[in-house]
Amino acid sequence: MTFKGLNLLDMETEDQYRKKASVYRTSPEYGKMISLYPVLQTTIKDCKGENLVA
């Protein structure tokens, strides 16, 4: 069995991850999660702008 165009070892680019994160942060699910967990919201704000990946 051969899967054309399917390479499970390929990683997405940083730009692709940033786009996914941007879409997720504007989703209703994200808003609901943030409203349910205020500590999470504070932690996200505290980490904003940090360079977490070397």
Protein backbone atom coordinates (compact mmCIF):
# COMPACT_ATOMS: atom_id res chain seq x y z
CA MET A 1 0.00 0.00 0.00
CA THR A 2 1.42 3.37 -1.03
CA PHE A 3 0.37 6.81 0.21
CA LYS A 4 1.29 9.50 -2.28
CA GLY A 5 2.02 12.93 -0.85
CA LEU A 6 1.82 11.72 2.74
CA ASN A 7 4.99 12.16 4.74
CA LEU A 8 4.29 12.00 8.45
CA LEU A 9 7.80 13.13 9.32
CA ASP A 10 7.42 16.57 7.72
CA MET A 11 7.10 19.34 10.26
CA GLU A 12 5.13 22.47 9.64
CA THR A 13 6.95 25.78 9.43
CA GLU A 14 6.95 28.32 12.22
CA ASP A 15 4.73 30.54 10.08
CA GLN A 16 2.17 27.73 9.74
CA TYR A 17 2.11 27.25 13.52
CA ARG A 18 1.71 31.00 14.06
CA LYS A 19 -1.25 31.09 11.66
CA LYS A 20 -2.90 28.16 13.46
CA ALA A 21 -2.34 29.84 16.82
CA SER A 22 -3.83 33.08 15.54
CA VAL A 23 -6.95 31.31 14.29
CA TYR A 24 -7.29 29.36 17.53
CA ARG A 25 -6.99 32.50 19.69
CA THR A 26 -9.96 34.01 17.91
CA SER A 27 -12.13 30.89 18.20
CA PRO A 28 -15.18 30.63 20.48
CA GLU A 29 -13.61 27.59 22.15
CA TYR A 30 -10.57 29.62 23.19
CA GLY A 31 -12.75 32.41 24.57
CA LYS A 32 -14.76 29.92 26.58
CA MET A 33 -11.63 28.24 27.95
CA ILE A 34 -10.14 31.59 28.99
CA SER A 35 -13.37 32.61 30.74
CA LEU A 36 -13.48 29.31 32.64
CA TYR A 37 -9.87 29.49 33.82
CA PRO A 38 -8.90 33.04 34.92
CA VAL A 39 -5.45 31.87 36.08
CA LEU A 40 -4.77 30.69 32.53
CA GLN A 41 -5.70 34.11 31.19
CA THR A 42 -3.30 35.81 33.63
CA THR A 43 -0.50 33.39 32.76
CA ILE A 44 -0.99 33.94 29.04
CA LYS A 45 -0.82 37.71 29.57
CA ASP A 46 2.35 37.35 31.67
CA CYS A 47 4.04 35.31 28.93
CA LYS A 48 2.99 37.54 26.04
CA GLY A 49 6.01 38.78 24.15
CA GLU A 50 8.37 36.26 25.74
CA ASN A 51 10.72 34.34 23.47
CA LEU A 52 9.84 30.83 24.64
CA VAL A 53 11.58 28.99 21.79
CA ALA A 54 15.31 29.19 21.29
